[in-house]
Amino acid sequence: MTTSFAFPGDDSSKQLVLLASICSGILMCKIVYDLTGFISPLLFSVYGKLDNKVRMEWNNRGFSTFHAVFVSVASIYLLVISDQFDENVHGDLVINSTTRLSEAIMGISLGYFLADLAMIVWQFPALGGVEYVFHHCLSMFSIILSVTSGQSQFYIFLVLLSEATTPFVNLRWYLDTSGKKGSKAYTLNGIALFLGWLVARILLFIYFFVHMYLHFHQVKQVFPLGFYSLLTIAPVLSMMNLLWFWKITKGLIKTISKARHRE
């Protein structure tokens, strides 16, 4: 399968694509939020017993899960299936690879982070604490730098691929809220979350740093702010991932111990 590597395009066209994709991302969040609120009471009896704030978080996690699935599939396509970042096809220009498709996907993701951050701040700290605000701000800052400069998109999509763990995080919350914390499904999801986090947020970040080290001659060609952001933001995100992984591991050990005790 062949994908166009780069294109000239004018700035106005690029800005239009970015603006449209950001609006699409925000609209996507609104539609899925409303659909989650409409479908959930039909499928889950517990939904009608929740108070308004918990229902809001339930719906919020609905579009969070949708975005995670969307951006994970899109990242796998761009990183693995297409040839956008294939060095054998495009030579020594991986760091500068950009297409309208990759820019549109980043714009949609940016729209999601804007919508989710707005809800987090509006209901602070019900939907997440300072670490969520910090994570979203770093993510948006990185995406904006990459999509406006057309550089480092390979590394942006590696980080976006780590969103693949979000459905497992949300499912754990759904099961807990539904009173099924002691169920087999909760334990199996905990194991899946542990393994998924290990692959998508620990091993993948190791690959991120190894790739950046091996391609440092390209990384040095990134404009100054983007270059120093790569050297600082990625390590900060990886440290946050390690901290959360430690909490996930402790939680899994606790869950498995309780499951064995019940048996």
C-alpha atoms as a PDB file:
ATOM      1  CA  MET A   1       0.000   0.000   0.000  1.00  0.00           C
ATOM      2  CA  THR A   2       1.392   3.393  -0.950  1.00  0.00           C
ATOM      3  CA  THR A   3       0.862   6.690   0.769  1.00  0.00           C
ATOM      4  CA  SER A   4       1.898  10.094  -0.466  1.00  0.00           C
ATOM      5  CA  PHE A   5       4.958  11.152   1.494  1.00  0.00           C
ATOM      6  CA  ALA A   6       4.858  14.906   1.385  1.00  0.00           C
ATOM      7  CA  PHE A   7       3.045  17.668  -0.419  1.00  0.00           C
ATOM      8  CA  PRO A   8       3.572  21.350  -0.891  1.00  0.00           C
ATOM      9  CA  GLY A   9       0.082  22.698  -0.241  1.00  0.00           C
ATOM     10  CA  ASP A  10      -0.468  26.323   0.801  1.00  0.00           C
ATOM     11  CA  ASP A  11      -0.785  27.585   4.343  1.00  0.00           C
ATOM     12  CA  SER A  12      -4.453  28.537   3.987  1.00  0.00           C
ATOM     13  CA  SER A  13      -5.361  25.006   2.859  1.00  0.00           C
ATOM     14  CA  LYS A  14      -3.406  23.518   5.752  1.00  0.00           C
ATOM     15  CA  GLN A  15      -5.074  25.829   8.252  1.00  0.00           C
ATOM     16  CA  LEU A  16      -8.506  24.951   6.851  1.00  0.00           C
ATOM     17  CA  VAL A  17      -7.832  21.211   7.209  1.00  0.00           C
ATOM     18  CA  LEU A  18      -6.591  21.713  10.773  1.00  0.00           C
ATOM     19  CA  LEU A  19      -9.547  23.875  11.792  1.00  0.00           C
ATOM     20  CA  ALA A  20     -12.061  21.469  10.232  1.00  0.00           C
ATOM     21  CA  SER A  21     -10.462  18.453  11.896  1.00  0.00           C
ATOM     22  CA  ILE A  22     -10.363  20.134  15.320  1.00  0.00           C
ATOM     23  CA  CYS A  23     -14.049  21.020  15.012  1.00  0.00           C
ATOM     24  CA  SER A  24     -14.739  17.440  13.883  1.00  0.00           C
ATOM     25  CA  GLY A  25     -12.965  16.122  16.972  1.00  0.00           C
ATOM     26  CA  ILE A  26     -15.030  18.338  19.272  1.00  0.00           C
ATOM     27  CA  LEU A  27     -18.239  17.401  17.437  1.00  0.00           C
ATOM     28  CA  MET A  28     -17.287  13.716  17.695  1.00  0.00           C
ATOM     29  CA  CYS A  29     -17.004  14.070  21.468  1.00  0.00           C
ATOM     30  CA  LYS A  30     -20.410  15.771  21.699  1.00  0.00           C
ATOM     31  CA  ILE A  31     -22.145  13.150  19.541  1.00  0.00           C
ATOM     32  CA  VAL A  32     -20.628  10.161  21.368  1.00  0.00           C
ATOM     33  CA  TYR A  33     -21.305  11.806  24.754  1.00  0.00           C
ATOM     34  CA  ASP A  34     -25.008  12.148  23.877  1.00  0.00           C
ATOM     35  CA  LEU A  35     -25.186   8.657  22.339  1.00  0.00           C
ATOM     36  CA  THR A  36     -23.628   7.159  25.461  1.00  0.00           C
ATOM     37  CA  GLY A  37     -26.236   8.900  27.602  1.00  0.00           C
ATOM     38  CA  PHE A  38     -29.015   7.619  25.312  1.00  0.00           C
ATOM     39  CA  ILE A  39     -27.862   4.002  24.947  1.00  0.00           C
ATOM     40  CA  SER A  40     -26.549   3.328  28.465  1.00  0.00           C
ATOM     41  CA  PRO A  41     -29.941   3.260  30.283  1.00  0.00           C
ATOM     42  CA  LEU A  42     -31.184   0.790  27.661  1.00  0.00           C
ATOM     43  CA  LEU A  43     -28.275  -1.589  28.272  1.00  0.00           C
ATOM     44  CA  PHE A  44     -27.291  -1.010  31.904  1.00  0.00           C
ATOM     45  CA  SER A  45     -29.923  -0.806  34.649  1.00  0.00           C
ATOM     46  CA  VAL A  46     -27.391   0.708  37.040  1.00  0.00           C
ATOM     47  CA  TYR A  47     -27.134   3.849  34.874  1.00  0.00           C
ATOM     48  CA  GLY A  48     -30.553   5.095  36.019  1.00  0.00           C
ATOM     49  CA  LYS A  49     -29.479   4.845  39.657  1.00  0.00           C
ATOM     50  CA  LEU A  50     -26.415   7.071  39.247  1.00  0.00           C
ATOM     51  CA  ASP A  51     -26.391  10.704  40.291  1.00  0.00           C
ATOM     52  CA  ASN A  52     -25.851  13.401  37.676  1.00  0.00           C
ATOM     53  CA  LYS A  53     -22.110  13.809  38.257  1.00  0.00           C
ATOM     54  CA  VAL A  54     -21.428  10.096  37.930  1.00  0.00           C
ATOM     55  CA  ARG A  55     -23.593   9.929  34.797  1.00  0.00           C
ATOM     56  CA  MET A  56     -21.579  12.778  33.336  1.00  0.00           C
ATOM     57  CA  GLU A  57     -18.336  10.885  33.975  1.00  0.00           C
ATOM     58  CA  TRP A  58     -19.917   7.736  32.515  1.00  0.00           C
ATOM     59  CA  ASN A  59     -20.737   9.619  29.295  1.00  0.00           C
ATOM     60  CA  ASN A  60     -17.364  11.358  29.307  1.00  0.00           C
ATOM     61  CA  ARG A  61     -15.585   8.017  29.401  1.00  0.00           C
ATOM     62  CA  GLY A  62     -17.739   6.975  26.459  1.00  0.00           C
ATOM     63  CA  PHE A  63     -16.175   9.503  24.092  1.00  0.00           C
ATOM     64  CA  SER A  64     -12.792   8.974  25.739  1.00  0.00           C
ATOM     65  CA  THR A  65     -12.996   5.299  24.763  1.00  0.00           C
ATOM     66  CA  PHE A  66     -14.189   6.136  21.244  1.00  0.00           C
ATOM     67  CA  HIS A  67     -11.278   8.524  20.693  1.00  0.00           C
ATOM     68  CA  ALA A  68      -8.797   5.981  22.041  1.00  0.00           C
ATOM     69  CA  VAL A  69      -9.996   3.298  19.609  1.00  0.00           C
ATOM     70  CA  PHE A  70     -10.043   5.757  16.706  1.00  0.00           C
ATOM     71  CA  VAL A  71      -6.582   7.205  17.278  1.00  0.00           C
ATOM     72  CA  SER A  72      -5.040   3.789  18.017  1.00  0.00           C
ATOM     73  CA  VAL A  73      -6.332   2.344  14.732  1.00  0.00           C
ATOM     74  CA  ALA A  74      -5.228   5.472  12.857  1.00  0.00           C
ATOM     75  CA  SER A  75      -1.757   5.321  14.433  1.00  0.00           C
ATOM     76  CA  ILE A  76      -1.334   1.642  13.564  1.00  0.00           C
ATOM     77  CA  TYR A  77      -2.335   2.421   9.983  1.00  0.00           C
ATOM     78  CA  LEU A  78       0.142   5.286   9.617  1.00  0.00           C
ATOM     79  CA  LEU A  79       2.996   3.615  11.511  1.00  0.00           C
ATOM     80  CA  VAL A  80       2.653   0.025  10.278  1.00  0.00           C
ATOM     81  CA  ILE A  81       0.353  -0.381   7.276  1.00  0.00           C
ATOM     82  CA  SER A  82       1.055   2.728   5.198  1.00  0.00           C
ATOM     83  CA  ASP A  83       4.521   3.712   4.015  1.00  0.00           C
ATOM     84  CA  GLN A  84       4.417   7.288   5.309  1.00  0.00           C
ATOM     85  CA  PHE A  85       7.294   6.706   7.723  1.00  0.00           C
ATOM     86  CA  ASP A  86       9.067   3.954   5.752  1.00  0.00           C
ATOM     87  CA  GLU A  87      12.743   4.904   5.468  1.00  0.00           C
ATOM     88  CA  ASN A  88      13.253   2.426   2.634  1.00  0.00           C
ATOM     89  CA  VAL A  89      10.735   4.366   0.567  1.00  0.00           C
ATOM     90  CA  HIS A  90      11.428   7.929   1.661  1.00  0.00           C
ATOM     91  CA  GLY A  91      15.082   7.868   2.585  1.00  0.00           C
ATOM     92  CA  ASP A  92      16.435  10.167   5.276  1.00  0.00           C
ATOM     93  CA  LEU A  93      13.314  12.325   5.701  1.00  0.00           C
ATOM     94  CA  VAL A  94      11.204  10.433   8.242  1.00  0.00           C
ATOM     95  CA  ILE A  95      11.281  13.345  10.689  1.00  0.00           C
ATOM     96  CA  ASN A  96       9.689  15.614   8.048  1.00  0.00           C
ATOM     97  CA  SER A  97       7.038  13.178   6.791  1.00  0.00           C
ATOM     98  CA  THR A  98       3.568  14.727   6.713  1.00  0.00           C
ATOM     99  CA  THR A  99       0.323  14.226   4.791  1.00  0.00           C
ATOM    100  CA  ARG A 100      -3.141  15.748   4.899  1.00  0.00           C
ATOM    101  CA  LEU A 101      -4.357  12.501   6.478  1.00  0.00           C
ATOM    102  CA  SER A 102      -1.852  12.568   9.341  1.00  0.00           C
ATOM    103  CA  GLU A 103      -2.566  16.262   9.965  1.00  0.00           C
ATOM    104  CA  ALA A 104      -6.330  15.644   9.987  1.00  0.00           C
ATOM    105  CA  ILE A 105      -5.979  12.793  12.486  1.00  0.00           C
ATOM    106  CA  MET A 106      -3.865  14.950  14.788  1.00  0.00           C
ATOM    107  CA  GLY A 107      -6.436  17.733  14.461  1.00  0.00           C
ATOM    108  CA  ILE A 108      -9.256  15.379  15.473  1.00  0.00           C
ATOM    109  CA  SER A 109      -7.203  14.222  18.441  1.00  0.00           C
ATOM    110  CA  LEU A 110      -6.503  17.844  19.355  1.00  0.00           C
ATOM    111  CA  GLY A 111     -10.255  18.494  19.292  1.00  0.00           C
ATOM    112  CA  TYR A 112     -10.767  15.588  21.674  1.00  0.00           C
ATOM    113  CA  PHE A 113      -8.137  16.835  24.131  1.00  0.00           C
ATOM    114  CA  LEU A 114      -9.680  20.326  24.038  1.00  0.00           C
ATOM    115  CA  ALA A 115     -13.182  18.981  24.722  1.00  0.00           C
ATOM    116  CA  ASP A 116     -12.026  16.629  27.464  1.00  0.00           C
ATOM    117  CA  LEU A 117      -9.834  19.267  29.113  1.00  0.00           C
ATOM    118  CA  ALA A 118     -12.752  21.711  29.103  1.00  0.00           C
ATOM    119  CA  MET A 119     -14.919  19.167  30.938  1.00  0.00           C
ATOM    120  CA  ILE A 120     -12.115  18.325  33.387  1.00  0.00           C
ATOM    121  CA  VAL A 121     -11.575  22.004  34.253  1.00  0.00           C
ATOM    122  CA  TRP A 122     -15.332  22.683  34.410  1.00  0.00           C
ATOM    123  CA  GLN A 123     -15.934  19.841  36.862  1.00  0.00           C
ATOM    124  CA  PHE A 124     -12.506  19.896  38.554  1.00  0.00           C
ATOM    125  CA  PRO A 125     -11.518  17.657  40.247  1.00  0.00           C
ATOM    126  CA  ALA A 126     -14.440  15.251  39.655  1.00  0.00           C
ATOM    127  CA  LEU A 127     -13.186  14.031  36.245  1.00  0.00           C
ATOM    128  CA  GLY A 128      -9.483  14.043  37.077  1.00  0.00           C
ATOM    129  CA  GLY A 129      -6.858  15.836  39.110  1.00  0.00           C
ATOM    130  CA  VAL A 130      -3.896  18.018  38.251  1.00  0.00           C
ATOM    131  CA  GLU A 131      -2.071  15.121  36.571  1.00  0.00           C
ATOM    132  CA  TYR A 132      -4.844  14.852  33.943  1.00  0.00           C
ATOM    133  CA  VAL A 133      -4.733  18.579  33.240  1.00  0.00           C
ATOM    134  CA  PHE A 134      -0.942  18.402  32.956  1.00  0.00           C
ATOM    135  CA  HIS A 135      -1.113  15.355  30.662  1.00  0.00           C
ATOM    136  CA  HIS A 136      -3.678  16.957  28.344  1.00  0.00           C
ATOM    137  CA  CYS A 137      -1.782  20.264  28.163  1.00  0.00           C
ATOM    138  CA  LEU A 138       1.465  18.475  27.273  1.00  0.00           C
ATOM    139  CA  SER A 139      -0.339  16.385  24.663  1.00  0.00           C
ATOM    140  CA  MET A 140      -1.991  19.401  23.038  1.00  0.00           C
ATOM    141  CA  PHE A 141       1.239  21.401  23.069  1.00  0.00           C
ATOM    142  CA  SER A 142       3.117  18.566  21.348  1.00  0.00           C
ATOM    143  CA  ILE A 143       0.407  18.019  18.732  1.00  0.00           C
ATOM    144  CA  ILE A 144       0.178  21.743  17.941  1.00  0.00           C
ATOM    145  CA  LEU A 145       3.949  21.996  17.450  1.00  0.00           C
ATOM    146  CA  SER A 146       3.997  18.946  15.196  1.00  0.00           C
ATOM    147  CA  VAL A 147       0.948  19.695  13.064  1.00  0.00           C
ATOM    148  CA  THR A 148       1.888  23.338  12.458  1.00  0.00           C
ATOM    149  CA  SER A 149       5.537  22.578  11.652  1.00  0.00           C
ATOM    150  CA  GLY A 150       4.982  19.306   9.760  1.00  0.00           C
ATOM    151  CA  GLN A 151       7.795  17.707  11.776  1.00  0.00           C
ATOM    152  CA  SER A 152       8.125  14.875  14.333  1.00  0.00           C
ATOM    153  CA  GLN A 153       4.778  13.337  13.399  1.00  0.00           C
ATOM    154  CA  PHE A 154       6.249   9.826  13.636  1.00  0.00           C
ATOM    155  CA  TYR A 155       6.900  10.385  17.341  1.00  0.00           C
ATOM    156  CA  ILE A 156       3.494  12.003  17.888  1.00  0.00           C
ATOM    157  CA  PHE A 157       1.745   8.919  16.525  1.00  0.00           C
ATOM    158  CA  LEU A 158       3.875   6.631  18.671  1.00  0.00           C
ATOM    159  CA  VAL A 159       2.642   8.536  21.713  1.00  0.00           C
ATOM    160  CA  LEU A 160      -0.954   8.608  20.449  1.00  0.00           C
ATOM    161  CA  LEU A 161      -0.775   4.823  20.035  1.00  0.00           C
ATOM    162  CA  SER A 162      -0.366   4.586  23.806  1.00  0.00           C
ATOM    163  CA  GLU A 163      -4.025   5.687  24.042  1.00  0.00           C
ATOM    164  CA  ALA A 164      -4.809   2.020  23.293  1.00  0.00           C
ATOM    165  CA  THR A 165      -4.780   1.444  27.063  1.00  0.00           C
ATOM    166  CA  THR A 166      -7.625   3.903  27.698  1.00  0.00           C
ATOM    167  CA  PRO A 167     -10.518   1.466  26.960  1.00  0.00           C
ATOM    168  CA  PHE A 168      -9.184  -0.876  29.666  1.00  0.00           C
ATOM    169  CA  VAL A 169      -8.907   1.995  32.153  1.00  0.00           C
ATOM    170  CA  ASN A 170     -12.474   3.064  31.381  1.00  0.00           C
ATOM    171  CA  LEU A 171     -13.819  -0.493  31.538  1.00  0.00           C
ATOM    172  CA  ARG A 172     -12.326  -0.880  35.000  1.00  0.00           C
ATOM    173  CA  TRP A 173     -14.186   2.260  36.085  1.00  0.00           C
ATOM    174  CA  TYR A 174     -17.438   1.050  34.485  1.00  0.00           C
ATOM    175  CA  LEU A 175     -17.207  -2.313  36.243  1.00  0.00           C
ATOM    176  CA  ASP A 176     -16.396  -0.672  39.570  1.00  0.00           C
ATOM    177  CA  THR A 177     -19.280   1.798  39.210  1.00  0.00           C
ATOM    178  CA  SER A 178     -21.637  -1.051  38.265  1.00  0.00           C
ATOM    179  CA  GLY A 179     -20.773  -2.899  41.479  1.00  0.00           C
ATOM    180  CA  LYS A 180     -18.803  -5.621  39.716  1.00  0.00           C
ATOM    181  CA  LYS A 181     -15.425  -4.974  41.262  1.00  0.00           C
ATOM    182  CA  GLY A 182     -15.349  -8.526  42.595  1.00  0.00           C
ATOM    183  CA  SER A 183     -16.279 -10.127  39.273  1.00  0.00           C
ATOM    184  CA  LYS A 184     -14.095 -12.274  37.053  1.00  0.00           C
ATOM    185  CA  ALA A 185     -14.456  -9.667  34.306  1.00  0.00           C
ATOM    186  CA  TYR A 186     -12.867  -7.058  36.586  1.00  0.00           C
ATOM    187  CA  THR A 187      -9.891  -9.335  37.265  1.00  0.00           C
ATOM    188  CA  LEU A 188      -9.429 -10.224  33.584  1.00  0.00           C
ATOM    189  CA  ASN A 189      -9.640  -6.573  32.614  1.00  0.00           C
ATOM    190  CA  GLY A 190      -7.011  -5.768  35.258  1.00  0.00           C
ATOM    191  CA  ILE A 191      -4.654  -8.311  33.696  1.00  0.00           C
ATOM    192  CA  ALA A 192      -5.373  -6.925  30.207  1.00  0.00           C
ATOM    193  CA  LEU A 193      -4.719  -3.379  31.472  1.00  0.00           C
ATOM    194  CA  PHE A 194      -1.428  -4.450  33.029  1.00  0.00           C
ATOM    195  CA  LEU A 195      -0.237  -6.159  29.833  1.00  0.00           C
ATOM    196  CA  GLY A 196      -1.556  -3.397  27.595  1.00  0.00           C
ATOM    197  CA  TRP A 197       0.133  -0.710  29.683  1.00  0.00           C
ATOM    198  CA  LEU A 198       3.392  -2.668  29.660  1.00  0.00           C
ATOM    199  CA  VAL A 199       3.351  -2.877  25.857  1.00  0.00           C
ATOM    200  CA  ALA A 200       1.798   0.474  24.866  1.00  0.00           C
ATOM    201  CA  ARG A 201       3.215   2.785  27.528  1.00  0.00           C
ATOM    202  CA  ILE A 202       6.444   1.166  28.697  1.00  0.00           C
ATOM    203  CA  LEU A 203       7.932  -0.920  25.874  1.00  0.00           C
ATOM    204  CA  LEU A 204       6.594   1.438  23.207  1.00  0.00           C
ATOM    205  CA  PHE A 205       8.270   4.391  24.916  1.00  0.00           C
ATOM    206  CA  ILE A 206      11.520   2.433  25.090  1.00  0.00           C
ATOM    207  CA  TYR A 207      11.234   1.941  21.321  1.00  0.00           C
ATOM    208  CA  PHE A 208      10.487   5.689  21.057  1.00  0.00           C
ATOM    209  CA  PHE A 209      13.758   6.612  22.766  1.00  0.00           C
ATOM    210  CA  VAL A 210      15.811   3.992  20.909  1.00  0.00           C
ATOM    211  CA  HIS A 211      14.433   5.181  17.571  1.00  0.00           C
ATOM    212  CA  MET A 212      15.124   8.803  18.464  1.00  0.00           C
ATOM    213  CA  TYR A 213      18.704   7.904  19.466  1.00  0.00           C
ATOM    214  CA  LEU A 214      19.327   6.002  16.221  1.00  0.00           C
ATOM    215  CA  HIS A 215      17.820   8.841  14.168  1.00  0.00           C
ATOM    216  CA  PHE A 216      19.299  11.703  16.154  1.00  0.00           C
ATOM    217  CA  HIS A 217      20.869  13.099  12.989  1.00  0.00           C
ATOM    218  CA  GLN A 218      17.295  13.721  11.824  1.00  0.00           C
ATOM    219  CA  VAL A 219      15.993  14.836  15.214  1.00  0.00           C
ATOM    220  CA  LYS A 220      18.594  17.617  15.231  1.00  0.00           C
ATOM    221  CA  GLN A 221      16.951  19.025  12.096  1.00  0.00           C
ATOM    222  CA  VAL A 222      13.721  19.759  13.981  1.00  0.00           C
ATOM    223  CA  PHE A 223      13.139  23.446  14.699  1.00  0.00           C
ATOM    224  CA  PRO A 224      14.525  24.481  18.133  1.00  0.00           C
ATOM    225  CA  LEU A 225      11.320  24.489  20.204  1.00  0.00           C
ATOM    226  CA  GLY A 226      10.254  21.159  18.711  1.00  0.00           C
ATOM    227  CA  PHE A 227      13.711  19.671  19.273  1.00  0.00           C
ATOM    228  CA  TYR A 228      13.857  20.591  22.960  1.00  0.00           C
ATOM    229  CA  SER A 229      10.235  19.520  23.417  1.00  0.00           C
ATOM    230  CA  LEU A 230      11.139  16.048  22.120  1.00  0.00           C
ATOM    231  CA  LEU A 231      13.983  15.898  24.613  1.00  0.00           C
ATOM    232  CA  THR A 232      11.843  16.960  27.575  1.00  0.00           C
ATOM    233  CA  ILE A 233       8.137  16.167  27.088  1.00  0.00           C
ATOM    234  CA  ALA A 234       8.619  12.510  26.099  1.00  0.00           C
ATOM    235  CA  PRO A 235      10.681  11.723  29.247  1.00  0.00           C
ATOM    236  CA  VAL A 236       8.088  13.503  31.424  1.00  0.00           C
ATOM    237  CA  LEU A 237       5.262  11.455  29.867  1.00  0.00           C
ATOM    238  CA  SER A 238       7.264   8.260  30.299  1.00  0.00           C
ATOM    239  CA  MET A 239       7.810   9.029  33.997  1.00  0.00           C
ATOM    240  CA  MET A 240       4.063   9.598  34.408  1.00  0.00           C
ATOM    241  CA  ASN A 241       3.440   6.275  32.648  1.00  0.00           C
ATOM    242  CA  LEU A 242       5.859   4.521  35.004  1.00  0.00           C
ATOM    243  CA  LEU A 243       4.125   6.029  38.038  1.00  0.00           C
ATOM    244  CA  TRP A 244       0.700   4.938  36.798  1.00  0.00           C
ATOM    245  CA  PHE A 245       2.100   1.503  35.893  1.00  0.00           C
ATOM    246  CA  TRP A 246       3.282   1.074  39.479  1.00  0.00           C
ATOM    247  CA  LYS A 247      -0.224   1.925  40.714  1.00  0.00           C
ATOM    248  CA  ILE A 248      -1.796  -0.450  38.175  1.00  0.00           C
ATOM    249  CA  THR A 249       0.548  -3.244  39.255  1.00  0.00           C
ATOM    250  CA  LYS A 250      -0.273  -2.760  42.934  1.00  0.00           C
ATOM    251  CA  GLY A 251      -3.980  -2.689  42.107  1.00  0.00           C
ATOM    252  CA  LEU A 252      -3.733  -5.884  40.059  1.00  0.00           C
ATOM    253  CA  ILE A 253      -1.870  -7.707  42.828  1.00  0.00           C
ATOM    254  CA  LYS A 254      -4.547  -6.609  45.297  1.00  0.00           C
ATOM    255  CA  THR A 255      -7.371  -7.693  42.966  1.00  0.00           C
ATOM    256  CA  ILE A 256      -5.854 -11.127  42.294  1.00  0.00           C
ATOM    257  CA  SER A 257      -5.226 -11.668  46.010  1.00  0.00           C
ATOM    258  CA  LYS A 258      -8.863 -10.887  46.818  1.00  0.00           C
ATOM    259  CA  ALA A 259     -10.053 -13.176  44.012  1.00  0.00           C
ATOM    260  CA  ARG A 260      -7.968 -16.063  45.360  1.00  0.00           C
ATOM    261  CA  HIS A 261      -9.200 -15.396  48.867  1.00  0.00           C
ATOM    262  CA  ARG A 262     -12.835 -15.617  47.715  1.00  0.00           C
ATOM    263  CA  GLU A 263     -12.110 -18.956  46.043  1.00  0.00           C
END
